[in-house]
Amino acid sequence: MKKSKFSDNQIIGILKQAESGTPVPELCRQHGMSSASFYK
């Protein structure tokens, strides 16, 4: 299995930002990932 580009703590932080209302496209730009990666 491929190793994730982000650590577990980074993933949790990104998901918390999404829950707090930050738009997904904005999160993807900030963290350098595609929206498909976010939803995966």
PDB file of N, CA and C in Angstrom:
ATOM      1  N   MET A   1       0.840  -1.182   0.000  1.00  0.00           N
ATOM      2  CA  MET A   1       0.000   0.000   0.000  1.00  0.00           C
ATOM      3  C   MET A   1       0.883   1.242   0.000  1.00  0.00           C
ATOM      4  N   LYS A   2       0.452   2.257  -0.741  1.00  0.00           N
ATOM      5  CA  LYS A   2       1.230   3.479  -0.865  1.00  0.00           C
ATOM      6  C   LYS A   2       1.189   4.286   0.428  1.00  0.00           C
ATOM      7  N   LYS A   3       2.329   4.849   0.801  1.00  0.00           N
ATOM      8  CA  LYS A   3       2.409   5.674   2.001  1.00  0.00           C
ATOM      9  C   LYS A   3       1.750   7.023   1.739  1.00  0.00           C
ATOM     10  N   SER A   4       1.001   7.505   2.711  1.00  0.00           N
ATOM     11  CA  SER A   4       0.296   8.781   2.586  1.00  0.00           C
ATOM     12  C   SER A   4       1.272   9.949   2.589  1.00  0.00           C
ATOM     13  N   LYS A   5       0.934  10.984   1.830  1.00  0.00           N
ATOM     14  CA  LYS A   5       1.750  12.200   1.784  1.00  0.00           C
ATOM     15  C   LYS A   5       1.624  12.972   3.090  1.00  0.00           C
ATOM     16  N   PHE A   6       0.511  12.785   3.784  1.00  0.00           N
ATOM     17  CA  PHE A   6       0.221  13.520   5.012  1.00  0.00           C
ATOM     18  C   PHE A   6       0.253  12.593   6.222  1.00  0.00           C
ATOM     19  N   SER A   7       0.697  13.128   7.359  1.00  0.00           N
ATOM     20  CA  SER A   7       0.687  12.339   8.589  1.00  0.00           C
ATOM     21  C   SER A   7      -0.742  12.274   9.131  1.00  0.00           C
ATOM     22  N   ASP A   8      -0.955  11.403  10.082  1.00  0.00           N
ATOM     23  CA  ASP A   8      -2.289  11.273  10.681  1.00  0.00           C
ATOM     24  C   ASP A   8      -2.739  12.589  11.309  1.00  0.00           C
ATOM     25  N   ASN A   9      -1.809  13.277  11.973  1.00  0.00           N
ATOM     26  CA  ASN A   9      -2.171  14.549  12.614  1.00  0.00           C
ATOM     27  C   ASN A   9      -2.556  15.603  11.582  1.00  0.00           C
ATOM     28  N   GLN A  10      -1.873  15.622  10.445  1.00  0.00           N
ATOM     29  CA  GLN A  10      -2.209  16.572   9.389  1.00  0.00           C
ATOM     30  C   GLN A  10      -3.587  16.277   8.816  1.00  0.00           C
ATOM     31  N   ILE A  11      -3.895  15.012   8.611  1.00  0.00           N
ATOM     32  CA  ILE A  11      -5.201  14.623   8.077  1.00  0.00           C
ATOM     33  C   ILE A  11      -6.301  15.040   9.033  1.00  0.00           C
ATOM     34  N   ILE A  12      -6.104  14.814  10.317  1.00  0.00           N
ATOM     35  CA  ILE A  12      -7.102  15.201  11.315  1.00  0.00           C
ATOM     36  C   ILE A  12      -7.314  16.709  11.303  1.00  0.00           C
ATOM     37  N   GLY A  13      -6.223  17.465  11.196  1.00  0.00           N
ATOM     38  CA  GLY A  13      -6.322  18.921  11.148  1.00  0.00           C
ATOM     39  C   GLY A  13      -7.096  19.406   9.935  1.00  0.00           C
ATOM     40  N   ILE A  14      -6.842  18.799   8.787  1.00  0.00           N
ATOM     41  CA  ILE A  14      -7.544  19.177   7.557  1.00  0.00           C
ATOM     42  C   ILE A  14      -9.036  18.867   7.681  1.00  0.00           C
ATOM     43  N   LEU A  15      -9.362  17.716   8.227  1.00  0.00           N
ATOM     44  CA  LEU A  15     -10.775  17.352   8.387  1.00  0.00           C
ATOM     45  C   LEU A  15     -11.484  18.273   9.379  1.00  0.00           C
ATOM     46  N   LYS A  16     -10.789  18.678  10.434  1.00  0.00           N
ATOM     47  CA  LYS A  16     -11.388  19.616  11.391  1.00  0.00           C
ATOM     48  C   LYS A  16     -11.650  20.966  10.744  1.00  0.00           C
ATOM     49  N   GLN A  17     -10.728  21.409   9.871  1.00  0.00           N
ATOM     50  CA  GLN A  17     -10.943  22.655   9.146  1.00  0.00           C
ATOM     51  C   GLN A  17     -12.178  22.542   8.249  1.00  0.00           C
ATOM     52  N   ALA A  18     -12.355  21.399   7.603  1.00  0.00           N
ATOM     53  CA  ALA A  18     -13.507  21.187   6.728  1.00  0.00           C
ATOM     54  C   ALA A  18     -14.803  21.197   7.544  1.00  0.00           C
ATOM     55  N   GLU A  19     -14.778  20.579   8.722  1.00  0.00           N
ATOM     56  CA  GLU A  19     -15.963  20.563   9.584  1.00  0.00           C
ATOM     57  C   GLU A  19     -16.313  21.952  10.090  1.00  0.00           C
ATOM     58  N   SER A  20     -15.311  22.798  10.252  1.00  0.00           N
ATOM     59  CA  SER A  20     -15.567  24.138  10.775  1.00  0.00           C
ATOM     60  C   SER A  20     -16.095  25.091   9.703  1.00  0.00           C
ATOM     61  N   GLY A  21     -16.171  24.618   8.460  1.00  0.00           N
ATOM     62  CA  GLY A  21     -16.791  25.424   7.423  1.00  0.00           C
ATOM     63  C   GLY A  21     -15.883  25.930   6.330  1.00  0.00           C
ATOM     64  N   THR A  22     -14.611  25.587   6.362  1.00  0.00           N
ATOM     65  CA  THR A  22     -13.703  26.010   5.302  1.00  0.00           C
ATOM     66  C   THR A  22     -14.062  25.249   4.021  1.00  0.00           C
ATOM     67  N   PRO A  23     -14.244  25.945   2.901  1.00  0.00           N
ATOM     68  CA  PRO A  23     -14.598  25.253   1.644  1.00  0.00           C
ATOM     69  C   PRO A  23     -13.509  24.270   1.216  1.00  0.00           C
ATOM     70  N   VAL A  24     -13.932  23.132   0.687  1.00  0.00           N
ATOM     71  CA  VAL A  24     -12.993  22.088   0.275  1.00  0.00           C
ATOM     72  C   VAL A  24     -11.997  22.591  -0.773  1.00  0.00           C
ATOM     73  N   PRO A  25     -12.424  23.340  -1.799  1.00  0.00           N
ATOM     74  CA  PRO A  25     -11.419  23.822  -2.770  1.00  0.00           C
ATOM     75  C   PRO A  25     -10.333  24.683  -2.116  1.00  0.00           C
ATOM     76  N   GLU A  26     -10.700  25.467  -1.125  1.00  0.00           N
ATOM     77  CA  GLU A  26      -9.721  26.298  -0.407  1.00  0.00           C
ATOM     78  C   GLU A  26      -8.738  25.414   0.363  1.00  0.00           C
ATOM     79  N   LEU A  27      -9.239  24.385   1.031  1.00  0.00           N
ATOM     80  CA  LEU A  27      -8.364  23.457   1.758  1.00  0.00           C
ATOM     81  C   LEU A  27      -7.388  22.766   0.804  1.00  0.00           C
ATOM     82  N   CYS A  28      -7.894  22.369  -0.349  1.00  0.00           N
ATOM     83  CA  CYS A  28      -7.047  21.678  -1.321  1.00  0.00           C
ATOM     84  C   CYS A  28      -5.927  22.590  -1.803  1.00  0.00           C
ATOM     85  N   ARG A  29      -6.221  23.851  -2.032  1.00  0.00           N
ATOM     86  CA  ARG A  29      -5.176  24.800  -2.456  1.00  0.00           C
ATOM     87  C   ARG A  29      -4.146  25.001  -1.353  1.00  0.00           C
ATOM     88  N   GLN A  30      -4.611  25.150  -0.111  1.00  0.00           N
ATOM     89  CA  GLN A  30      -3.698  25.396   1.007  1.00  0.00           C
ATOM     90  C   GLN A  30      -2.733  24.237   1.224  1.00  0.00           C
ATOM     91  N   HIS A  31      -3.225  23.013   1.046  1.00  0.00           N
ATOM     92  CA  HIS A  31      -2.426  21.840   1.396  1.00  0.00           C
ATOM     93  C   HIS A  31      -1.841  21.119   0.191  1.00  0.00           C
ATOM     94  N   GLY A  32      -2.111  21.636  -1.007  1.00  0.00           N
ATOM     95  CA  GLY A  32      -1.504  21.063  -2.208  1.00  0.00           C
ATOM     96  C   GLY A  32      -2.001  19.680  -2.558  1.00  0.00           C
ATOM     97  N   MET A  33      -3.301  19.474  -2.514  1.00  0.00           N
ATOM     98  CA  MET A  33      -3.861  18.172  -2.867  1.00  0.00           C
ATOM     99  C   MET A  33      -5.067  18.377  -3.772  1.00  0.00           C
ATOM    100  N   SER A  34      -5.486  17.320  -4.419  1.00  0.00           N
ATOM    101  CA  SER A  34      -6.655  17.406  -5.283  1.00  0.00           C
ATOM    102  C   SER A  34      -7.914  17.163  -4.465  1.00  0.00           C
ATOM    103  N   SER A  35      -9.047  17.584  -4.991  1.00  0.00           N
ATOM    104  CA  SER A  35     -10.304  17.355  -4.271  1.00  0.00           C
ATOM    105  C   SER A  35     -10.609  15.853  -4.217  1.00  0.00           C
ATOM    106  N   ALA A  36     -10.184  15.099  -5.214  1.00  0.00           N
ATOM    107  CA  ALA A  36     -10.383  13.648  -5.185  1.00  0.00           C
ATOM    108  C   ALA A  36      -9.640  13.015  -4.012  1.00  0.00           C
ATOM    109  N   SER A  37      -8.441  13.518  -3.731  1.00  0.00           N
ATOM    110  CA  SER A  37      -7.677  13.016  -2.584  1.00  0.00           C
ATOM    111  C   SER A  37      -8.387  13.349  -1.277  1.00  0.00           C
ATOM    112  N   PHE A  38      -8.990  14.524  -1.216  1.00  0.00           N
ATOM    113  CA  PHE A  38      -9.703  14.918  -0.006  1.00  0.00           C
ATOM    114  C   PHE A  38     -10.864  13.953   0.267  1.00  0.00           C
ATOM    115  N   TYR A  39     -11.650  13.671  -0.755  1.00  0.00           N
ATOM    116  CA  TYR A  39     -12.823  12.822  -0.564  1.00  0.00           C
ATOM    117  C   TYR A  39     -12.490  11.355  -0.406  1.00  0.00           C
ATOM    118  N   LYS A  40     -11.323  10.958  -0.864  1.00  0.00           N
ATOM    119  CA  LYS A  40     -10.897   9.572  -0.704  1.00  0.00           C
ATOM    120  C   LYS A  40     -10.604   9.293   0.747  1.00  0.00           C
TER     121      LYS A  40
END
